[in-house]
Amino acid sequence: MMTKLQTLKRPELLGGRVYATLREHLRSGRVPVGQPLQEAALAAQLGISRTPVREALARLAGDGLVVPQGRSYVLPALTVGDIEDIYALRFLLEPEALRLVAAGKPDKRQLAPLHEALEDMVAAHEDNDGTAFMEANYRYRNGWTSLVTNRRLVRAIELYADHVRYLRGVTLDDAAIRKIVLEGLGKVTAALMAGDGAAAAKAMHAHLDNARRILLSRSERR
């Protein structure tokens, strides 16, 4: 007979929420590289004890999203090699995921969140609002990844996207870069609407390669 699991205690549930909150905070692009993420300060801001914060930071370090530095953690300063490695994995994962989504012939209702996010990106671009553009860009990603039935694949996609996501806050303030992003995602959307898996994969690969080139250029300048 299978042993019953014990009821989870509230601190364990809280730890998961703290992890999700801190991970989203890192995604925002508002945490500079090298700024200490200190357990006590974060706990005070969140109004909780230090234990769940300690556990969340350890999980984030296990994901490679932060690295220990003394008694705190910091965002890693990605090298050119790091960026190349991350995008090598993204090239394997995301075009294939889009191919599978397109092959499933998504209908207008399923694609509506993508269209809405893309329209909001266009509006933000015209208003020269990099923050709003980035937020809509994330909603676009959430829209298409929600159509991927293999949730393990989605978790892998999200992890490696998060490794470079904070850098997007720097690049998306540039109007020329926003225009490149819009063109790339427009082609992805068109392929999804046509149910063309090969075109969707090709468009996503090109979109990722543009992002890789931009981040490498910024990294080399630093």
C-alpha atoms as a PDB file:
ATOM      1  CA  MET A   1       0.000   0.000   0.000  1.00  0.00           C
ATOM      2  CA  MET A   2       1.366   3.413  -0.971  1.00  0.00           C
ATOM      3  CA  THR A   3       2.448   5.617   1.949  1.00  0.00           C
ATOM      4  CA  LYS A   4       0.379   8.788   2.283  1.00  0.00           C
ATOM      5  CA  LEU A   5       2.080  12.142   1.906  1.00  0.00           C
ATOM      6  CA  GLN A   6       1.993  14.541   4.819  1.00  0.00           C
ATOM      7  CA  THR A   7       0.207  17.865   4.546  1.00  0.00           C
ATOM      8  CA  LEU A   8       2.560  20.640   3.454  1.00  0.00           C
ATOM      9  CA  LYS A   9       3.353  23.259   6.035  1.00  0.00           C
ATOM     10  CA  ARG A  10       2.803  26.920   5.251  1.00  0.00           C
ATOM     11  CA  PRO A  11       6.549  27.844   5.251  1.00  0.00           C
ATOM     12  CA  GLU A  12       7.112  25.366   2.425  1.00  0.00           C
ATOM     13  CA  LEU A  13       4.335  26.939   0.377  1.00  0.00           C
ATOM     14  CA  LEU A  14       5.701  30.392   1.224  1.00  0.00           C
ATOM     15  CA  GLY A  15       9.141  29.353  -0.013  1.00  0.00           C
ATOM     16  CA  GLY A  16       7.731  28.614  -3.463  1.00  0.00           C
ATOM     17  CA  ARG A  17       5.990  31.975  -3.594  1.00  0.00           C
ATOM     18  CA  VAL A  18       9.166  33.783  -2.537  1.00  0.00           C
ATOM     19  CA  TYR A  19      11.119  31.940  -5.231  1.00  0.00           C
ATOM     20  CA  ALA A  20       8.566  32.957  -7.897  1.00  0.00           C
ATOM     21  CA  THR A  21       8.547  36.562  -6.655  1.00  0.00           C
ATOM     22  CA  LEU A  22      12.330  36.892  -6.697  1.00  0.00           C
ATOM     23  CA  ARG A  23      12.614  35.197 -10.075  1.00  0.00           C
ATOM     24  CA  GLU A  24      10.109  37.665 -11.525  1.00  0.00           C
ATOM     25  CA  HIS A  25      12.052  40.504  -9.899  1.00  0.00           C
ATOM     26  CA  LEU A  26      15.210  39.339 -11.680  1.00  0.00           C
ATOM     27  CA  ARG A  27      13.316  39.099 -14.971  1.00  0.00           C
ATOM     28  CA  SER A  28      12.242  42.728 -14.709  1.00  0.00           C
ATOM     29  CA  GLY A  29      15.664  44.057 -15.649  1.00  0.00           C
ATOM     30  CA  ARG A  30      15.644  46.416 -12.654  1.00  0.00           C
ATOM     31  CA  VAL A  31      18.377  44.573 -10.738  1.00  0.00           C
ATOM     32  CA  PRO A  32      21.850  45.741 -11.870  1.00  0.00           C
ATOM     33  CA  VAL A  33      24.640  43.220 -12.311  1.00  0.00           C
ATOM     34  CA  GLY A  34      26.751  43.238  -9.155  1.00  0.00           C
ATOM     35  CA  GLN A  35      24.056  44.654  -6.863  1.00  0.00           C
ATOM     36  CA  PRO A  36      23.956  42.447  -3.745  1.00  0.00           C
ATOM     37  CA  LEU A  37      20.776  40.481  -3.120  1.00  0.00           C
ATOM     38  CA  GLN A  38      20.970  40.198   0.638  1.00  0.00           C
ATOM     39  CA  GLU A  39      18.846  37.757   2.554  1.00  0.00           C
ATOM     40  CA  ALA A  40      17.995  40.114   5.435  1.00  0.00           C
ATOM     41  CA  ALA A  41      17.120  43.086   3.204  1.00  0.00           C
ATOM     42  CA  LEU A  42      14.896  40.995   0.925  1.00  0.00           C
ATOM     43  CA  ALA A  43      13.128  39.428   3.901  1.00  0.00           C
ATOM     44  CA  ALA A  44      12.439  42.884   5.337  1.00  0.00           C
ATOM     45  CA  GLN A  45      11.022  44.134   2.026  1.00  0.00           C
ATOM     46  CA  LEU A  46       8.771  41.084   1.720  1.00  0.00           C
ATOM     47  CA  GLY A  47       7.734  41.207   5.364  1.00  0.00           C
ATOM     48  CA  ILE A  48       8.706  37.604   6.060  1.00  0.00           C
ATOM     49  CA  SER A  49      11.366  35.642   7.905  1.00  0.00           C
ATOM     50  CA  ARG A  50      14.789  35.035   6.373  1.00  0.00           C
ATOM     51  CA  THR A  51      14.394  31.251   6.001  1.00  0.00           C
ATOM     52  CA  PRO A  52      12.150  31.185   2.879  1.00  0.00           C
ATOM     53  CA  VAL A  53      14.299  33.912   1.300  1.00  0.00           C
ATOM     54  CA  ARG A  54      17.436  31.858   1.958  1.00  0.00           C
ATOM     55  CA  GLU A  55      15.808  28.820   0.364  1.00  0.00           C
ATOM     56  CA  ALA A  56      14.594  30.826  -2.649  1.00  0.00           C
ATOM     57  CA  LEU A  57      18.038  32.327  -3.258  1.00  0.00           C
ATOM     58  CA  ALA A  58      19.592  28.858  -3.067  1.00  0.00           C
ATOM     59  CA  ARG A  59      17.088  27.620  -5.695  1.00  0.00           C
ATOM     60  CA  LEU A  60      17.854  30.591  -7.944  1.00  0.00           C
ATOM     61  CA  ALA A  61      21.564  29.851  -7.585  1.00  0.00           C
ATOM     62  CA  GLY A  62      20.857  26.234  -8.527  1.00  0.00           C
ATOM     63  CA  ASP A  63      19.123  27.518 -11.665  1.00  0.00           C
ATOM     64  CA  GLY A  64      22.201  29.596 -12.471  1.00  0.00           C
ATOM     65  CA  LEU A  65      20.200  32.839 -12.302  1.00  0.00           C
ATOM     66  CA  VAL A  66      22.255  34.253  -9.412  1.00  0.00           C
ATOM     67  CA  VAL A  67      25.690  33.448  -8.039  1.00  0.00           C
ATOM     68  CA  PRO A  68      26.948  33.653  -4.441  1.00  0.00           C
ATOM     69  CA  GLN A  69      29.206  36.552  -3.553  1.00  0.00           C
ATOM     70  CA  GLY A  70      30.326  36.671   0.053  1.00  0.00           C
ATOM     71  CA  ARG A  71      27.194  36.542   2.201  1.00  0.00           C
ATOM     72  CA  SER A  72      24.846  37.633  -0.574  1.00  0.00           C
ATOM     73  CA  TYR A  73      24.035  36.819  -4.190  1.00  0.00           C
ATOM     74  CA  VAL A  74      24.399  38.797  -7.417  1.00  0.00           C
ATOM     75  CA  LEU A  75      23.317  38.502 -11.014  1.00  0.00           C
ATOM     76  CA  PRO A  76      26.118  36.879 -13.006  1.00  0.00           C
ATOM     77  CA  ALA A  77      27.974  39.084 -15.462  1.00  0.00           C
ATOM     78  CA  LEU A  78      27.579  37.023 -18.629  1.00  0.00           C
ATOM     79  CA  THR A  79      30.603  36.618 -20.861  1.00  0.00           C
ATOM     80  CA  VAL A  80      30.495  36.251 -24.636  1.00  0.00           C
ATOM     81  CA  GLY A  81      30.940  32.512 -24.127  1.00  0.00           C
ATOM     82  CA  ASP A  82      28.001  32.407 -21.696  1.00  0.00           C
ATOM     83  CA  ILE A  83      25.724  34.143 -24.200  1.00  0.00           C
ATOM     84  CA  GLU A  84      26.786  31.818 -26.999  1.00  0.00           C
ATOM     85  CA  ASP A  85      26.151  28.752 -24.804  1.00  0.00           C
ATOM     86  CA  ILE A  86      22.716  29.976 -23.736  1.00  0.00           C
ATOM     87  CA  TYR A  87      21.625  30.725 -27.294  1.00  0.00           C
ATOM     88  CA  ALA A  88      22.945  27.389 -28.547  1.00  0.00           C
ATOM     89  CA  LEU A  89      20.398  25.795 -26.205  1.00  0.00           C
ATOM     90  CA  ARG A  90      17.638  28.236 -27.125  1.00  0.00           C
ATOM     91  CA  PHE A  91      18.187  27.439 -30.814  1.00  0.00           C
ATOM     92  CA  LEU A  92      17.512  23.789 -30.008  1.00  0.00           C
ATOM     93  CA  LEU A  93      14.450  24.357 -27.843  1.00  0.00           C
ATOM     94  CA  GLU A  94      12.375  27.280 -29.064  1.00  0.00           C
ATOM     95  CA  PRO A  95      12.177  26.713 -32.840  1.00  0.00           C
ATOM     96  CA  GLU A  96      11.117  23.101 -32.197  1.00  0.00           C
ATOM     97  CA  ALA A  97       8.497  24.235 -29.694  1.00  0.00           C
ATOM     98  CA  LEU A  98       7.087  26.725 -32.227  1.00  0.00           C
ATOM     99  CA  ARG A  99       7.102  24.048 -34.919  1.00  0.00           C
ATOM    100  CA  LEU A 100       4.969  21.828 -32.703  1.00  0.00           C
ATOM    101  CA  VAL A 101       2.576  24.665 -31.864  1.00  0.00           C
ATOM    102  CA  ALA A 102       2.110  25.593 -35.525  1.00  0.00           C
ATOM    103  CA  ALA A 103       1.652  21.956 -36.520  1.00  0.00           C
ATOM    104  CA  GLY A 104      -1.255  21.817 -34.053  1.00  0.00           C
ATOM    105  CA  LYS A 105      -3.085  24.439 -36.176  1.00  0.00           C
ATOM    106  CA  PRO A 106      -3.944  26.899 -33.371  1.00  0.00           C
ATOM    107  CA  ASP A 107      -7.228  28.747 -33.900  1.00  0.00           C
ATOM    108  CA  LYS A 108      -7.977  32.465 -33.631  1.00  0.00           C
ATOM    109  CA  ARG A 109      -9.010  32.190 -29.994  1.00  0.00           C
ATOM    110  CA  GLN A 110      -5.728  30.526 -29.041  1.00  0.00           C
ATOM    111  CA  LEU A 111      -3.697  33.103 -30.953  1.00  0.00           C
ATOM    112  CA  ALA A 112      -5.660  36.096 -29.652  1.00  0.00           C
ATOM    113  CA  PRO A 113      -3.277  36.757 -26.697  1.00  0.00           C
ATOM    114  CA  LEU A 114      -0.340  36.889 -29.134  1.00  0.00           C
ATOM    115  CA  HIS A 115      -2.111  39.380 -31.388  1.00  0.00           C
ATOM    116  CA  GLU A 116      -3.053  41.527 -28.393  1.00  0.00           C
ATOM    117  CA  ALA A 117       0.496  41.494 -27.038  1.00  0.00           C
ATOM    118  CA  LEU A 118       1.921  42.314 -30.467  1.00  0.00           C
ATOM    119  CA  GLU A 119      -0.485  45.251 -30.841  1.00  0.00           C
ATOM    120  CA  ASP A 120       0.553  46.518 -27.409  1.00  0.00           C
ATOM    121  CA  MET A 121       4.209  46.209 -28.432  1.00  0.00           C
ATOM    122  CA  VAL A 122       3.544  48.311 -31.519  1.00  0.00           C
ATOM    123  CA  ALA A 123       1.788  50.963 -29.410  1.00  0.00           C
ATOM    124  CA  ALA A 124       4.612  50.994 -26.857  1.00  0.00           C
ATOM    125  CA  HIS A 125       7.189  51.293 -29.642  1.00  0.00           C
ATOM    126  CA  GLU A 126       5.356  54.280 -31.107  1.00  0.00           C
ATOM    127  CA  ASP A 127       5.213  55.857 -27.629  1.00  0.00           C
ATOM    128  CA  ASN A 128       8.944  55.113 -27.146  1.00  0.00           C
ATOM    129  CA  ASP A 129       8.047  53.264 -23.948  1.00  0.00           C
ATOM    130  CA  GLY A 130      10.675  50.561 -23.474  1.00  0.00           C
ATOM    131  CA  THR A 131       9.189  49.300 -20.212  1.00  0.00           C
ATOM    132  CA  ALA A 132       5.711  48.780 -21.681  1.00  0.00           C
ATOM    133  CA  PHE A 133       7.278  47.184 -24.750  1.00  0.00           C
ATOM    134  CA  MET A 134       9.184  44.696 -22.600  1.00  0.00           C
ATOM    135  CA  GLU A 135       6.069  43.838 -20.575  1.00  0.00           C
ATOM    136  CA  ALA A 136       4.075  43.158 -23.754  1.00  0.00           C
ATOM    137  CA  ASN A 137       7.001  41.166 -25.134  1.00  0.00           C
ATOM    138  CA  TYR A 138       6.858  38.902 -22.080  1.00  0.00           C
ATOM    139  CA  ARG A 139       3.103  38.476 -22.533  1.00  0.00           C
ATOM    140  CA  TYR A 140       3.713  37.427 -26.122  1.00  0.00           C
ATOM    141  CA  ARG A 141       6.146  34.753 -24.933  1.00  0.00           C
ATOM    142  CA  ASN A 142       3.704  33.574 -22.282  1.00  0.00           C
ATOM    143  CA  GLY A 143       1.021  33.413 -24.959  1.00  0.00           C
ATOM    144  CA  TRP A 144       2.849  31.046 -27.263  1.00  0.00           C
ATOM    145  CA  THR A 145       4.470  28.938 -24.548  1.00  0.00           C
ATOM    146  CA  SER A 146       1.004  28.336 -23.080  1.00  0.00           C
ATOM    147  CA  LEU A 147       0.210  26.486 -26.324  1.00  0.00           C
ATOM    148  CA  VAL A 148       3.144  24.078 -25.901  1.00  0.00           C
ATOM    149  CA  THR A 149       1.734  20.835 -24.491  1.00  0.00           C
ATOM    150  CA  ASN A 150       5.106  19.528 -23.277  1.00  0.00           C
ATOM    151  CA  ARG A 151       5.431  21.447 -20.014  1.00  0.00           C
ATOM    152  CA  ARG A 152       8.929  20.094 -19.358  1.00  0.00           C
ATOM    153  CA  LEU A 153       9.966  21.729 -22.614  1.00  0.00           C
ATOM    154  CA  VAL A 154       8.364  24.980 -21.478  1.00  0.00           C
ATOM    155  CA  ARG A 155      10.265  24.933 -18.180  1.00  0.00           C
ATOM    156  CA  ALA A 156      13.548  24.478 -20.048  1.00  0.00           C
ATOM    157  CA  ILE A 157      12.658  27.307 -22.439  1.00  0.00           C
ATOM    158  CA  GLU A 158      11.783  29.647 -19.572  1.00  0.00           C
ATOM    159  CA  LEU A 159      14.971  28.842 -17.666  1.00  0.00           C
ATOM    160  CA  TYR A 160      17.347  29.662 -20.500  1.00  0.00           C
ATOM    161  CA  ALA A 161      15.328  32.702 -21.550  1.00  0.00           C
ATOM    162  CA  ASP A 162      15.564  33.957 -17.968  1.00  0.00           C
ATOM    163  CA  HIS A 163      19.365  33.700 -18.068  1.00  0.00           C
ATOM    164  CA  VAL A 164      19.450  36.643 -20.490  1.00  0.00           C
ATOM    165  CA  ARG A 165      16.074  38.210 -19.813  1.00  0.00           C
ATOM    166  CA  TYR A 166      17.371  40.949 -17.511  1.00  0.00           C
ATOM    167  CA  LEU A 167      19.586  42.213 -20.350  1.00  0.00           C
ATOM    168  CA  ARG A 168      16.500  42.857 -22.473  1.00  0.00           C
ATOM    169  CA  GLY A 169      15.629  45.780 -20.206  1.00  0.00           C
ATOM    170  CA  VAL A 170      18.735  47.522 -21.519  1.00  0.00           C
ATOM    171  CA  THR A 171      18.297  46.701 -25.195  1.00  0.00           C
ATOM    172  CA  LEU A 172      14.561  47.377 -25.554  1.00  0.00           C
ATOM    173  CA  ASP A 173      14.988  51.064 -24.776  1.00  0.00           C
ATOM    174  CA  ASP A 174      16.551  51.292 -28.251  1.00  0.00           C
ATOM    175  CA  ALA A 175      13.942  52.030 -30.950  1.00  0.00           C
ATOM    176  CA  ALA A 176      15.978  50.335 -33.679  1.00  0.00           C
ATOM    177  CA  ILE A 177      16.141  47.122 -31.637  1.00  0.00           C
ATOM    178  CA  ARG A 178      12.414  47.257 -30.871  1.00  0.00           C
ATOM    179  CA  LYS A 179      11.742  47.466 -34.607  1.00  0.00           C
ATOM    180  CA  ILE A 180      13.845  44.327 -35.207  1.00  0.00           C
ATOM    181  CA  VAL A 181      11.910  42.511 -32.474  1.00  0.00           C
ATOM    182  CA  LEU A 182       8.564  43.523 -33.978  1.00  0.00           C
ATOM    183  CA  GLU A 183       9.579  42.326 -37.430  1.00  0.00           C
ATOM    184  CA  GLY A 184      10.754  38.993 -36.045  1.00  0.00           C
ATOM    185  CA  LEU A 185       7.655  38.331 -33.976  1.00  0.00           C
ATOM    186  CA  GLY A 186       5.443  39.416 -36.863  1.00  0.00           C
ATOM    187  CA  LYS A 187       6.923  36.598 -38.945  1.00  0.00           C
ATOM    188  CA  VAL A 188       6.482  34.121 -36.091  1.00  0.00           C
ATOM    189  CA  THR A 189       2.832  35.143 -35.729  1.00  0.00           C
ATOM    190  CA  ALA A 190       2.172  34.842 -39.468  1.00  0.00           C
ATOM    191  CA  ALA A 191       3.624  31.328 -39.500  1.00  0.00           C
ATOM    192  CA  LEU A 192       1.490  30.301 -36.533  1.00  0.00           C
ATOM    193  CA  MET A 193      -1.632  31.687 -38.199  1.00  0.00           C
ATOM    194  CA  ALA A 194      -0.819  29.681 -41.341  1.00  0.00           C
ATOM    195  CA  GLY A 195      -0.176  26.532 -39.313  1.00  0.00           C
ATOM    196  CA  ASP A 196       3.234  26.265 -41.002  1.00  0.00           C
ATOM    197  CA  GLY A 197       5.571  24.477 -38.598  1.00  0.00           C
ATOM    198  CA  ALA A 198       8.699  24.818 -40.727  1.00  0.00           C
ATOM    199  CA  ALA A 199       8.152  28.555 -41.222  1.00  0.00           C
ATOM    200  CA  ALA A 200       7.454  29.062 -37.517  1.00  0.00           C
ATOM    201  CA  ALA A 201      10.692  27.289 -36.565  1.00  0.00           C
ATOM    202  CA  LYS A 202      12.672  29.271 -39.141  1.00  0.00           C
ATOM    203  CA  ALA A 203      11.187  32.583 -37.998  1.00  0.00           C
ATOM    204  CA  MET A 204      11.933  31.853 -34.346  1.00  0.00           C
ATOM    205  CA  HIS A 205      15.512  30.808 -35.127  1.00  0.00           C
ATOM    206  CA  ALA A 206      16.057  34.079 -37.007  1.00  0.00           C
ATOM    207  CA  HIS A 207      14.442  36.057 -34.169  1.00  0.00           C
ATOM    208  CA  LEU A 208      16.711  34.405 -31.594  1.00  0.00           C
ATOM    209  CA  ASP A 209      19.784  34.926 -33.748  1.00  0.00           C
ATOM    210  CA  ASN A 210      19.026  38.650 -33.946  1.00  0.00           C
ATOM    211  CA  ALA A 211      18.710  38.758 -30.152  1.00  0.00           C
ATOM    212  CA  ARG A 212      21.991  36.872 -29.787  1.00  0.00           C
ATOM    213  CA  ARG A 213      23.822  39.287 -32.085  1.00  0.00           C
ATOM    214  CA  ILE A 214      22.435  42.303 -30.220  1.00  0.00           C
ATOM    215  CA  LEU A 215      23.403  40.959 -26.800  1.00  0.00           C
ATOM    216  CA  LEU A 216      26.874  39.995 -28.017  1.00  0.00           C
ATOM    217  CA  SER A 217      27.373  43.479 -29.418  1.00  0.00           C
ATOM    218  CA  ARG A 218      26.330  45.056 -26.103  1.00  0.00           C
ATOM    219  CA  SER A 219      28.511  42.621 -24.156  1.00  0.00           C
ATOM    220  CA  GLU A 220      31.571  43.407 -26.257  1.00  0.00           C
ATOM    221  CA  ARG A 221      31.048  47.141 -25.702  1.00  0.00           C
ATOM    222  CA  ARG A 222      31.088  46.572 -21.938  1.00  0.00           C
END
